[in-house]
Amino acid sequence: MPVDPVTSAIVGTLIGAAVQGLMAPAPAPPVTGIVRHLPQEAARGMMQPPAYGQVRIDGRTFLLSPAVVIRNEINLAIPSAMVQAPVPVRFQTDTMGAVFRVWILSAAELGLAENR
């Protein structure tokens, strides 16, 4: 069965654009200047990308709570798989020592003394 060259070109272009879009890094969130008021008891650290239900923060390995909530720089809840590079965070652990709340710090928040 012959394939129409125009249809073939259109499909090829669409597939190429989709693959290219998947391979491009996610754009950085906008700098809003909004500073969240995080719990004082939240620890600070540099978090590595989570994997296999665990996360490394400042060289220590923690389990991720099944109910973990990770908030990005603009305070949106994101799945742990979206963290692709080491990021500065504030975090809390539950009574069993598993990480259950994480706030990825924005550039504005990094400048605050409480987050250093």
PDB file of N, CA and C in Angstrom:
ATOM      1  N   MET A   1       0.851  -1.168   0.000  1.00  0.00           N
ATOM      2  CA  MET A   1       0.000   0.000   0.000  1.00  0.00           C
ATOM      3  C   MET A   1       0.904   1.240   0.000  1.00  0.00           C
ATOM      4  N   PRO A   2       0.795   2.110  -0.992  1.00  0.00           N
ATOM      5  CA  PRO A   2       1.634   3.304  -1.069  1.00  0.00           C
ATOM      6  C   PRO A   2       1.240   4.320   0.019  1.00  0.00           C
ATOM      7  N   VAL A   3       2.255   5.021   0.489  1.00  0.00           N
ATOM      8  CA  VAL A   3       2.043   6.041   1.520  1.00  0.00           C
ATOM      9  C   VAL A   3       2.151   7.413   0.875  1.00  0.00           C
ATOM     10  N   ASP A   4       1.186   8.248   1.163  1.00  0.00           N
ATOM     11  CA  ASP A   4       1.178   9.619   0.642  1.00  0.00           C
ATOM     12  C   ASP A   4       2.373  10.376   1.229  1.00  0.00           C
ATOM     13  N   PRO A   5       3.247  10.975   0.406  1.00  0.00           N
ATOM     14  CA  PRO A   5       4.435  11.664   0.922  1.00  0.00           C
ATOM     15  C   PRO A   5       4.089  12.867   1.799  1.00  0.00           C
ATOM     16  N   VAL A   6       3.002  13.546   1.571  1.00  0.00           N
ATOM     17  CA  VAL A   6       2.615  14.694   2.391  1.00  0.00           C
ATOM     18  C   VAL A   6       2.225  14.219   3.788  1.00  0.00           C
ATOM     19  N   THR A   7       1.412  13.178   3.846  1.00  0.00           N
ATOM     20  CA  THR A   7       1.008  12.611   5.144  1.00  0.00           C
ATOM     21  C   THR A   7       2.231  12.105   5.894  1.00  0.00           C
ATOM     22  N   SER A   8       3.118  11.435   5.193  1.00  0.00           N
ATOM     23  CA  SER A   8       4.339  10.916   5.806  1.00  0.00           C
ATOM     24  C   SER A   8       5.186  12.047   6.381  1.00  0.00           C
ATOM     25  N   ALA A   9       5.313  13.149   5.654  1.00  0.00           N
ATOM     26  CA  ALA A   9       6.096  14.300   6.126  1.00  0.00           C
ATOM     27  C   ALA A   9       5.462  14.937   7.362  1.00  0.00           C
ATOM     28  N   ILE A  10       4.130  15.058   7.348  1.00  0.00           N
ATOM     29  CA  ILE A  10       3.430  15.657   8.487  1.00  0.00           C
ATOM     30  C   ILE A  10       3.593  14.789   9.733  1.00  0.00           C
ATOM     31  N   VAL A  11       3.394  13.493   9.591  1.00  0.00           N
ATOM     32  CA  VAL A  11       3.522  12.575  10.727  1.00  0.00           C
ATOM     33  C   VAL A  11       4.958  12.585  11.247  1.00  0.00           C
ATOM     34  N   GLY A  12       5.929  12.563  10.345  1.00  0.00           N
ATOM     35  CA  GLY A  12       7.330  12.604  10.761  1.00  0.00           C
ATOM     36  C   GLY A  12       7.668  13.876  11.523  1.00  0.00           C
ATOM     37  N   THR A  13       7.152  15.014  11.060  1.00  0.00           N
ATOM     38  CA  THR A  13       7.385  16.291  11.737  1.00  0.00           C
ATOM     39  C   THR A  13       6.767  16.292  13.129  1.00  0.00           C
ATOM     40  N   LEU A  14       5.550  15.786  13.255  1.00  0.00           N
ATOM     41  CA  LEU A  14       4.879  15.734  14.554  1.00  0.00           C
ATOM     42  C   LEU A  14       5.612  14.828  15.535  1.00  0.00           C
ATOM     43  N   ILE A  15       6.037  13.678  15.075  1.00  0.00           N
ATOM     44  CA  ILE A  15       6.770  12.755  15.944  1.00  0.00           C
ATOM     45  C   ILE A  15       8.107  13.364  16.348  1.00  0.00           C
ATOM     46  N   GLY A  16       8.809  13.982  15.417  1.00  0.00           N
ATOM     47  CA  GLY A  16      10.081  14.630  15.730  1.00  0.00           C
ATOM     48  C   GLY A  16       9.920  15.740  16.758  1.00  0.00           C
ATOM     49  N   ALA A  17       8.879  16.560  16.608  1.00  0.00           N
ATOM     50  CA  ALA A  17       8.640  17.644  17.560  1.00  0.00           C
ATOM     51  C   ALA A  17       8.300  17.108  18.947  1.00  0.00           C
ATOM     52  N   ALA A  18       7.524  16.020  19.001  1.00  0.00           N
ATOM     53  CA  ALA A  18       7.159  15.424  20.287  1.00  0.00           C
ATOM     54  C   ALA A  18       8.389  14.870  20.994  1.00  0.00           C
ATOM     55  N   VAL A  19       9.245  14.175  20.259  1.00  0.00           N
ATOM     56  CA  VAL A  19      10.463  13.618  20.853  1.00  0.00           C
ATOM     57  C   VAL A  19      11.384  14.734  21.320  1.00  0.00           C
ATOM     58  N   GLN A  20      11.523  15.769  20.524  1.00  0.00           N
ATOM     59  CA  GLN A  20      12.381  16.896  20.891  1.00  0.00           C
ATOM     60  C   GLN A  20      11.835  17.588  22.142  1.00  0.00           C
ATOM     61  N   GLY A  21      10.520  17.731  22.247  1.00  0.00           N
ATOM     62  CA  GLY A  21       9.910  18.349  23.413  1.00  0.00           C
ATOM     63  C   GLY A  21      10.123  17.545  24.675  1.00  0.00           C
ATOM     64  N   LEU A  22      10.112  16.214  24.561  1.00  0.00           N
ATOM     65  CA  LEU A  22      10.339  15.356  25.722  1.00  0.00           C
ATOM     66  C   LEU A  22      11.776  15.409  26.203  1.00  0.00           C
ATOM     67  N   MET A  23      12.698  15.643  25.286  1.00  0.00           N
ATOM     68  CA  MET A  23      14.114  15.633  25.651  1.00  0.00           C
ATOM     69  C   MET A  23      14.606  16.990  26.145  1.00  0.00           C
ATOM     70  N   ALA A  24      13.845  18.036  25.916  1.00  0.00           N
ATOM     71  CA  ALA A  24      14.251  19.373  26.348  1.00  0.00           C
ATOM     72  C   ALA A  24      14.060  19.502  27.853  1.00  0.00           C
ATOM     73  N   PRO A  25      14.988  20.169  28.551  1.00  0.00           N
ATOM     74  CA  PRO A  25      14.818  20.351  29.993  1.00  0.00           C
ATOM     75  C   PRO A  25      13.622  21.251  30.278  1.00  0.00           C
ATOM     76  N   ALA A  26      13.008  21.018  31.422  1.00  0.00           N
ATOM     77  CA  ALA A  26      11.857  21.835  31.811  1.00  0.00           C
ATOM     78  C   ALA A  26      12.320  23.266  32.064  1.00  0.00           C
ATOM     79  N   PRO A  27      11.529  24.237  31.671  1.00  0.00           N
ATOM     80  CA  PRO A  27      11.931  25.621  31.916  1.00  0.00           C
ATOM     81  C   PRO A  27      11.926  25.934  33.404  1.00  0.00           C
ATOM     82  N   ALA A  28      12.807  26.825  33.805  1.00  0.00           N
ATOM     83  CA  ALA A  28      12.871  27.225  35.212  1.00  0.00           C
ATOM     84  C   ALA A  28      11.610  28.000  35.568  1.00  0.00           C
ATOM     85  N   PRO A  29      11.097  27.778  36.783  1.00  0.00           N
ATOM     86  CA  PRO A  29       9.901  28.528  37.171  1.00  0.00           C
ATOM     87  C   PRO A  29      10.229  30.015  37.288  1.00  0.00           C
ATOM     88  N   PRO A  30       9.248  30.872  37.086  1.00  0.00           N
ATOM     89  CA  PRO A  30       9.515  32.303  37.165  1.00  0.00           C
ATOM     90  C   PRO A  30       9.869  32.729  38.584  1.00  0.00           C
ATOM     91  N   VAL A  31      10.716  33.724  38.687  1.00  0.00           N
ATOM     92  CA  VAL A  31      11.067  34.272  39.993  1.00  0.00           C
ATOM     93  C   VAL A  31       9.956  35.236  40.377  1.00  0.00           C
ATOM     94  N   THR A  32       9.252  34.893  41.439  1.00  0.00           N
ATOM     95  CA  THR A  32       8.094  35.690  41.823  1.00  0.00           C
ATOM     96  C   THR A  32       8.399  36.671  42.938  1.00  0.00           C
ATOM     97  N   GLY A  33       9.421  36.380  43.733  1.00  0.00           N
ATOM     98  CA  GLY A  33       9.716  37.245  44.865  1.00  0.00           C
ATOM     99  C   GLY A  33       8.823  36.958  46.054  1.00  0.00           C
ATOM    100  N   ILE A  34       7.878  36.031  45.904  1.00  0.00           N
ATOM    101  CA  ILE A  34       7.006  35.647  47.014  1.00  0.00           C
ATOM    102  C   ILE A  34       7.792  34.735  47.942  1.00  0.00           C
ATOM    103  N   VAL A  35       7.758  35.051  49.211  1.00  0.00           N
ATOM    104  CA  VAL A  35       8.473  34.248  50.199  1.00  0.00           C
ATOM    105  C   VAL A  35       7.443  33.552  51.078  1.00  0.00           C
ATOM    106  N   ARG A  36       7.537  32.242  51.138  1.00  0.00           N
ATOM    107  CA  ARG A  36       6.612  31.465  51.961  1.00  0.00           C
ATOM    108  C   ARG A  36       7.084  31.492  53.410  1.00  0.00           C
ATOM    109  N   HIS A  37       6.158  31.368  54.326  1.00  0.00           N
ATOM    110  CA  HIS A  37       6.491  31.243  55.743  1.00  0.00           C
ATOM    111  C   HIS A  37       6.484  29.759  56.076  1.00  0.00           C
ATOM    112  N   LEU A  38       7.682  29.179  56.127  1.00  0.00           N
ATOM    113  CA  LEU A  38       7.814  27.747  56.357  1.00  0.00           C
ATOM    114  C   LEU A  38       7.927  27.468  57.854  1.00  0.00           C
ATOM    115  N   PRO A  39       7.548  26.268  58.286  1.00  0.00           N
ATOM    116  CA  PRO A  39       7.652  25.938  59.714  1.00  0.00           C
ATOM    117  C   PRO A  39       9.083  26.091  60.216  1.00  0.00           C
ATOM    118  N   GLN A  40       9.228  26.672  61.389  1.00  0.00           N
ATOM    119  CA  GLN A  40      10.564  26.887  61.945  1.00  0.00           C
ATOM    120  C   GLN A  40      11.305  25.581  62.175  1.00  0.00           C
ATOM    121  N   GLU A  41      10.570  24.507  62.474  1.00  0.00           N
ATOM    122  CA  GLU A  41      11.211  23.226  62.761  1.00  0.00           C
ATOM    123  C   GLU A  41      11.629  22.476  61.496  1.00  0.00           C
ATOM    124  N   ALA A  42      11.293  23.007  60.330  1.00  0.00           N
ATOM    125  CA  ALA A  42      11.687  22.359  59.069  1.00  0.00           C
ATOM    126  C   ALA A  42      13.197  22.502  58.893  1.00  0.00           C
ATOM    127  N   ALA A  43      13.856  21.358  58.684  1.00  0.00           N
ATOM    128  CA  ALA A  43      15.311  21.353  58.501  1.00  0.00           C
ATOM    129  C   ALA A  43      15.654  21.826  57.102  1.00  0.00           C
ATOM    130  N   ARG A  44      16.904  22.252  56.921  1.00  0.00           N
ATOM    131  CA  ARG A  44      17.365  22.717  55.625  1.00  0.00           C
ATOM    132  C   ARG A  44      18.406  21.752  55.101  1.00  0.00           C
ATOM    133  N   GLY A  45      18.466  21.600  53.775  1.00  0.00           N
ATOM    134  CA  GLY A  45      19.479  20.744  53.188  1.00  0.00           C
ATOM    135  C   GLY A  45      19.469  20.817  51.677  1.00  0.00           C
ATOM    136  N   MET A  46      20.407  20.084  51.079  1.00  0.00           N
ATOM    137  CA  MET A  46      20.492  19.973  49.624  1.00  0.00           C
ATOM    138  C   MET A  46      19.981  18.578  49.276  1.00  0.00           C
ATOM    139  N   MET A  47      18.840  18.533  48.572  1.00  0.00           N
ATOM    140  CA  MET A  47      18.190  17.262  48.269  1.00  0.00           C
ATOM    141  C   MET A  47      18.576  16.773  46.879  1.00  0.00           C
ATOM    142  N   GLN A  48      18.963  15.507  46.823  1.00  0.00           N
ATOM    143  CA  GLN A  48      19.219  14.838  45.550  1.00  0.00           C
ATOM    144  C   GLN A  48      17.882  14.361  44.989  1.00  0.00           C
ATOM    145  N   PRO A  49      17.793  14.075  43.706  1.00  0.00           N
ATOM    146  CA  PRO A  49      16.532  13.565  43.149  1.00  0.00           C
ATOM    147  C   PRO A  49      16.109  12.269  43.851  1.00  0.00           C
ATOM    148  N   PRO A  50      14.865  12.187  44.291  1.00  0.00           N
ATOM    149  CA  PRO A  50      14.385  10.966  44.946  1.00  0.00           C
ATOM    150  C   PRO A  50      14.366   9.788  43.978  1.00  0.00           C
ATOM    151  N   ALA A  51      14.575   8.599  44.526  1.00  0.00           N
ATOM    152  CA  ALA A  51      14.528   7.378  43.719  1.00  0.00           C
ATOM    153  C   ALA A  51      14.205   6.193  44.612  1.00  0.00           C
ATOM    154  N   TYR A  52      13.380   5.302  44.105  1.00  0.00           N
ATOM    155  CA  TYR A  52      13.060   4.046  44.782  1.00  0.00           C
ATOM    156  C   TYR A  52      12.521   4.254  46.198  1.00  0.00           C
ATOM    157  N   GLY A  53      11.728   5.304  46.389  1.00  0.00           N
ATOM    158  CA  GLY A  53      11.111   5.538  47.690  1.00  0.00           C
ATOM    159  C   GLY A  53      12.047   6.109  48.729  1.00  0.00           C
ATOM    160  N   GLN A  54      13.220   6.573  48.283  1.00  0.00           N
ATOM    161  CA  GLN A  54      14.203   7.152  49.193  1.00  0.00           C
ATOM    162  C   GLN A  54      14.692   8.488  48.646  1.00  0.00           C
ATOM    163  N   VAL A  55      15.290   9.271  49.524  1.00  0.00           N
ATOM    164  CA  VAL A  55      15.874  10.546  49.114  1.00  0.00           C
ATOM    165  C   VAL A  55      17.113  10.806  49.953  1.00  0.00           C
ATOM    166  N   ARG A  56      18.138  11.395  49.325  1.00  0.00           N
ATOM    167  CA  ARG A  56      19.356  11.777  50.052  1.00  0.00           C
ATOM    168  C   ARG A  56      19.342  13.286  50.238  1.00  0.00           C
ATOM    169  N   ILE A  57      19.486  13.694  51.486  1.00  0.00           N
ATOM    170  CA  ILE A  57      19.560  15.113  51.820  1.00  0.00           C
ATOM    171  C   ILE A  57      20.819  15.307  52.654  1.00  0.00           C
ATOM    172  N   ASP A  58      21.734  16.125  52.137  1.00  0.00           N
ATOM    173  CA  ASP A  58      23.024  16.382  52.794  1.00  0.00           C
ATOM    174  C   ASP A  58      23.746  15.086  53.175  1.00  0.00           C
ATOM    175  N   GLY A  59      23.711  14.112  52.280  1.00  0.00           N
ATOM    176  CA  GLY A  59      24.444  12.873  52.493  1.00  0.00           C
ATOM    177  C   GLY A  59      23.719  11.834  53.339  1.00  0.00           C
ATOM    178  N   ARG A  60      22.596  12.182  53.936  1.00  0.00           N
ATOM    179  CA  ARG A  60      21.821  11.233  54.732  1.00  0.00           C
ATOM    180  C   ARG A  60      20.677  10.683  53.882  1.00  0.00           C
ATOM    181  N   THR A  61      20.422   9.388  53.992  1.00  0.00           N
ATOM    182  CA  THR A  61      19.345   8.766  53.243  1.00  0.00           C
ATOM    183  C   THR A  61      18.105   8.659  54.116  1.00  0.00           C
ATOM    184  N   PHE A  62      16.975   9.123  53.581  1.00  0.00           N
ATOM    185  CA  PHE A  62      15.690   9.063  54.265  1.00  0.00           C
ATOM    186  C   PHE A  62      14.721   8.280  53.398  1.00  0.00           C
ATOM    187  N   LEU A  63      13.763   7.613  54.032  1.00  0.00           N
ATOM    188  CA  LEU A  63      12.640   7.057  53.294  1.00  0.00           C
ATOM    189  C   LEU A  63      11.684   8.185  52.966  1.00  0.00           C
ATOM    190  N   LEU A  64      10.981   8.061  51.864  1.00  0.00           N
ATOM    191  CA  LEU A  64       9.913   9.000  51.546  1.00  0.00           C
ATOM    192  C   LEU A  64       8.616   8.444  52.115  1.00  0.00           C
ATOM    193  N   SER A  65       7.884   9.259  52.821  1.00  0.00           N
ATOM    194  CA  SER A  65       6.582   8.861  53.330  1.00  0.00           C
ATOM    195  C   SER A  65       5.663   8.583  52.150  1.00  0.00           C
ATOM    196  N   PRO A  66       4.745   7.615  52.272  1.00  0.00           N
ATOM    197  CA  PRO A  66       3.772   7.398  51.199  1.00  0.00           C
ATOM    198  C   PRO A  66       2.926   8.641  50.928  1.00  0.00           C
ATOM    199  N   ALA A  67       2.827   9.525  51.913  1.00  0.00           N
ATOM    200  CA  ALA A  67       2.017  10.743  51.768  1.00  0.00           C
ATOM    201  C   ALA A  67       2.882  11.981  51.536  1.00  0.00           C
ATOM    202  N   VAL A  68       4.096  11.793  51.033  1.00  0.00           N
ATOM    203  CA  VAL A  68       5.009  12.930  50.853  1.00  0.00           C
ATOM    204  C   VAL A  68       4.394  13.972  49.916  1.00  0.00           C
ATOM    205  N   VAL A  69       4.595  15.240  50.293  1.00  0.00           N
ATOM    206  CA  VAL A  69       4.186  16.360  49.441  1.00  0.00           C
ATOM    207  C   VAL A  69       5.430  17.190  49.180  1.00  0.00           C
ATOM    208  N   ILE A  70       5.798  17.315  47.918  1.00  0.00           N
ATOM    209  CA  ILE A  70       6.944  18.141  47.523  1.00  0.00           C
ATOM    210  C   ILE A  70       6.370  19.370  46.831  1.00  0.00           C
ATOM    211  N   ARG A  71       6.751  20.535  47.312  1.00  0.00           N
ATOM    212  CA  ARG A  71       6.279  21.792  46.718  1.00  0.00           C
ATOM    213  C   ARG A  71       7.457  22.464  46.019  1.00  0.00           C
ATOM    214  N   ASN A  72       7.223  22.903  44.784  1.00  0.00           N
ATOM    215  CA  ASN A  72       8.289  23.563  44.023  1.00  0.00           C
ATOM    216  C   ASN A  72       8.429  25.026  44.449  1.00  0.00           C
ATOM    217  N   GLU A  73       9.254  25.773  43.722  1.00  0.00           N
ATOM    218  CA  GLU A  73       9.558  27.158  44.078  1.00  0.00           C
ATOM    219  C   GLU A  73       8.343  28.072  44.055  1.00  0.00           C
ATOM    220  N   ILE A  74       7.321  27.716  43.291  1.00  0.00           N
ATOM    221  CA  ILE A  74       6.122  28.558  43.254  1.00  0.00           C
ATOM    222  C   ILE A  74       4.973  27.901  44.018  1.00  0.00           C
ATOM    223  N   ASN A  75       5.324  26.996  44.914  1.00  0.00           N
ATOM    224  CA  ASN A  75       4.432  26.374  45.888  1.00  0.00           C
ATOM    225  C   ASN A  75       3.412  25.406  45.286  1.00  0.00           C
ATOM    226  N   LEU A  76       3.682  24.886  44.103  1.00  0.00           N
ATOM    227  CA  LEU A  76       2.818  23.872  43.516  1.00  0.00           C
ATOM    228  C   LEU A  76       3.281  22.491  43.972  1.00  0.00           C
ATOM    229  N   ALA A  77       2.345  21.628  44.333  1.00  0.00           N
ATOM    230  CA  ALA A  77       2.688  20.249  44.684  1.00  0.00           C
ATOM    231  C   ALA A  77       3.092  19.519  43.405  1.00  0.00           C
ATOM    232  N   ILE A  78       4.242  18.849  43.456  1.00  0.00           N
ATOM    233  CA  ILE A  78       4.755  18.140  42.287  1.00  0.00           C
ATOM    234  C   ILE A  78       5.078  16.696  42.664  1.00  0.00           C
ATOM    235  N   PRO A  79       5.041  15.775  41.712  1.00  0.00           N
ATOM    236  CA  PRO A  79       5.461  14.396  42.001  1.00  0.00           C
ATOM    237  C   PRO A  79       6.977  14.352  42.187  1.00  0.00           C
ATOM    238  N   SER A  80       7.435  13.424  43.006  1.00  0.00           N
ATOM    239  CA  SER A  80       8.869  13.335  43.302  1.00  0.00           C
ATOM    240  C   SER A  80       9.707  13.106  42.047  1.00  0.00           C
ATOM    241  N   ALA A  81       9.135  12.481  41.030  1.00  0.00           N
ATOM    242  CA  ALA A  81       9.876  12.210  39.792  1.00  0.00           C
ATOM    243  C   ALA A  81      10.221  13.487  39.033  1.00  0.00           C
ATOM    244  N   MET A  82       9.581  14.599  39.350  1.00  0.00           N
ATOM    245  CA  MET A  82       9.888  15.857  38.655  1.00  0.00           C
ATOM    246  C   MET A  82      11.167  16.506  39.155  1.00  0.00           C
ATOM    247  N   VAL A  83      11.684  16.058  40.285  1.00  0.00           N
ATOM    248  CA  VAL A  83      12.949  16.595  40.788  1.00  0.00           C
ATOM    249  C   VAL A  83      14.063  15.855  40.060  1.00  0.00           C
ATOM    250  N   GLN A  84      14.765  16.562  39.168  1.00  0.00           N
ATOM    251  CA  GLN A  84      15.758  15.925  38.309  1.00  0.00           C
ATOM    252  C   GLN A  84      17.197  16.322  38.612  1.00  0.00           C
ATOM    253  N   ALA A  85      17.381  17.248  39.552  1.00  0.00           N
ATOM    254  CA  ALA A  85      18.719  17.727  39.883  1.00  0.00           C
ATOM    255  C   ALA A  85      18.749  18.069  41.367  1.00  0.00           C
ATOM    256  N   PRO A  86      19.938  18.158  41.966  1.00  0.00           N
ATOM    257  CA  PRO A  86      20.010  18.555  43.377  1.00  0.00           C
ATOM    258  C   PRO A  86      19.406  19.943  43.574  1.00  0.00           C
ATOM    259  N   VAL A  87      18.616  20.101  44.644  1.00  0.00           N
ATOM    260  CA  VAL A  87      17.939  21.370  44.914  1.00  0.00           C
ATOM    261  C   VAL A  87      18.016  21.696  46.406  1.00  0.00           C
ATOM    262  N   PRO A  88      18.102  23.002  46.744  1.00  0.00           N
ATOM    263  CA  PRO A  88      18.057  23.391  48.156  1.00  0.00           C
ATOM    264  C   PRO A  88      16.618  23.295  48.656  1.00  0.00           C
ATOM    265  N   VAL A  89      16.457  22.709  49.839  1.00  0.00           N
ATOM    266  CA  VAL A  89      15.111  22.479  50.366  1.00  0.00           C
ATOM    267  C   VAL A  89      15.037  22.764  51.856  1.00  0.00           C
ATOM    268  N   ARG A  90      13.819  22.905  52.327  1.00  0.00           N
ATOM    269  CA  ARG A  90      13.471  22.777  53.739  1.00  0.00           C
ATOM    270  C   ARG A  90      12.566  21.556  53.779  1.00  0.00           C
ATOM    271  N   PHE A  91      12.672  20.734  54.823  1.00  0.00           N
ATOM    272  CA  PHE A  91      11.893  19.506  54.863  1.00  0.00           C
ATOM    273  C   PHE A  91      11.523  19.131  56.287  1.00  0.00           C
ATOM    274  N   GLN A  92      10.491  18.309  56.401  1.00  0.00           N
ATOM    275  CA  GLN A  92      10.057  17.776  57.686  1.00  0.00           C
ATOM    276  C   GLN A  92       9.977  16.259  57.581  1.00  0.00           C
ATOM    277  N   THR A  93      10.220  15.609  58.715  1.00  0.00           N
ATOM    278  CA  THR A  93      10.079  14.160  58.780  1.00  0.00           C
ATOM    279  C   THR A  93       8.923  13.815  59.723  1.00  0.00           C
ATOM    280  N   ASP A  94       8.345  12.634  59.504  1.00  0.00           N
ATOM    281  CA  ASP A  94       7.266  12.186  60.378  1.00  0.00           C
ATOM    282  C   ASP A  94       7.850  11.480  61.599  1.00  0.00           C
ATOM    283  N   THR A  95       6.999  10.903  62.428  1.00  0.00           N
ATOM    284  CA  THR A  95       7.469  10.265  63.661  1.00  0.00           C
ATOM    285  C   THR A  95       8.342   9.046  63.404  1.00  0.00           C
ATOM    286  N   MET A  96       8.266   8.466  62.218  1.00  0.00           N
ATOM    287  CA  MET A  96       9.095   7.313  61.869  1.00  0.00           C
ATOM    288  C   MET A  96      10.398   7.730  61.183  1.00  0.00           C
ATOM    289  N   GLY A  97      10.592   9.030  60.970  1.00  0.00           N
ATOM    290  CA  GLY A  97      11.808   9.517  60.334  1.00  0.00           C
ATOM    291  C   GLY A  97      11.745   9.614  58.822  1.00  0.00           C
ATOM    292  N   ALA A  98      10.581   9.353  58.238  1.00  0.00           N
ATOM    293  CA  ALA A  98      10.434   9.450  56.778  1.00  0.00           C
ATOM    294  C   ALA A  98      10.108  10.892  56.399  1.00  0.00           C
ATOM    295  N   VAL A  99      10.638  11.341  55.284  1.00  0.00           N
ATOM    296  CA  VAL A  99      10.372  12.695  54.793  1.00  0.00           C
ATOM    297  C   VAL A  99       8.943  12.758  54.288  1.00  0.00           C
ATOM    298  N   PHE A 100       8.150  13.701  54.836  1.00  0.00           N
ATOM    299  CA  PHE A 100       6.762  13.800  54.390  1.00  0.00           C
ATOM    300  C   PHE A 100       6.377  15.172  53.872  1.00  0.00           C
ATOM    301  N   ARG A 101       7.213  16.187  54.090  1.00  0.00           N
ATOM    302  CA  ARG A 101       6.975  17.511  53.511  1.00  0.00           C
ATOM    303  C   ARG A 101       8.302  18.077  53.041  1.00  0.00           C
ATOM    304  N   VAL A 102       8.286  18.595  51.814  1.00  0.00           N
ATOM    305  CA  VAL A 102       9.489  19.194  51.229  1.00  0.00           C
ATOM    306  C   VAL A 102       9.085  20.480  50.524  1.00  0.00           C
ATOM    307  N   TRP A 103       9.859  21.527  50.760  1.00  0.00           N
ATOM    308  CA  TRP A 103       9.682  22.791  50.043  1.00  0.00           C
ATOM    309  C   TRP A 103      10.989  23.078  49.316  1.00  0.00           C
ATOM    310  N   ILE A 104      10.942  23.116  47.983  1.00  0.00           N
ATOM    311  CA  ILE A 104      12.114  23.506  47.202  1.00  0.00           C
ATOM    312  C   ILE A 104      12.216  25.021  47.308  1.00  0.00           C
ATOM    313  N   LEU A 105      13.382  25.515  47.716  1.00  0.00           N
ATOM    314  CA  LEU A 105      13.553  26.936  47.979  1.00  0.00           C
ATOM    315  C   LEU A 105      13.784  27.731  46.705  1.00  0.00           C
ATOM    316  N   SER A 106      13.142  28.885  46.632  1.00  0.00           N
ATOM    317  CA  SER A 106      13.323  29.795  45.500  1.00  0.00           C
ATOM    318  C   SER A 106      14.575  30.636  45.738  1.00  0.00           C
ATOM    319  N   ALA A 107      14.980  31.383  44.725  1.00  0.00           N
ATOM    320  CA  ALA A 107      16.144  32.269  44.856  1.00  0.00           C
ATOM    321  C   ALA A 107      15.898  33.306  45.943  1.00  0.00           C
ATOM    322  N   ALA A 108      14.677  33.835  46.030  1.00  0.00           N
ATOM    323  CA  ALA A 108      14.352  34.828  47.063  1.00  0.00           C
ATOM    324  C   ALA A 108      14.448  34.212  48.452  1.00  0.00           C
ATOM    325  N   GLU A 109      13.986  32.978  48.594  1.00  0.00           N
ATOM    326  CA  GLU A 109      14.015  32.314  49.900  1.00  0.00           C
ATOM    327  C   GLU A 109      15.427  31.939  50.315  1.00  0.00           C
ATOM    328  N   LEU A 110      16.291  31.640  49.352  1.00  0.00           N
ATOM    329  CA  LEU A 110      17.688  31.302  49.683  1.00  0.00           C
ATOM    330  C   LEU A 110      18.401  32.473  50.329  1.00  0.00           C
ATOM    331  N   GLY A 111      17.990  33.701  50.006  1.00  0.00           N
ATOM    332  CA  GLY A 111      18.628  34.880  50.569  1.00  0.00           C
ATOM    333  C   GLY A 111      18.259  35.170  52.010  1.00  0.00           C
ATOM    334  N   LEU A 112      17.226  34.508  52.512  1.00  0.00           N
ATOM    335  CA  LEU A 112      16.812  34.732  53.896  1.00  0.00           C
ATOM    336  C   LEU A 112      17.734  34.001  54.870  1.00  0.00           C
ATOM    337  N   ALA A 113      18.040  34.646  55.984  1.00  0.00           N
ATOM    338  CA  ALA A 113      18.929  34.065  56.983  1.00  0.00           C
ATOM    339  C   ALA A 113      18.399  32.725  57.494  1.00  0.00           C
ATOM    340  N   GLU A 114      17.074  32.584  57.636  1.00  0.00           N
ATOM    341  CA  GLU A 114      16.501  31.346  58.173  1.00  0.00           C
ATOM    342  C   GLU A 114      16.690  30.159  57.242  1.00  0.00           C
ATOM    343  N   ASN A 115      16.994  30.397  55.992  1.00  0.00           N
ATOM    344  CA  ASN A 115      17.158  29.303  55.021  1.00  0.00           C
ATOM    345  C   ASN A 115      18.619  29.042  54.670  1.00  0.00           C
ATOM    346  N   ARG A 116      19.528  29.666  55.354  1.00  0.00           N
ATOM    347  CA  ARG A 116      20.958  29.449  55.058  1.00  0.00           C
ATOM    348  C   ARG A 116      21.528  28.352  55.898  1.00  0.00           C
TER     349      ARG A 116
END
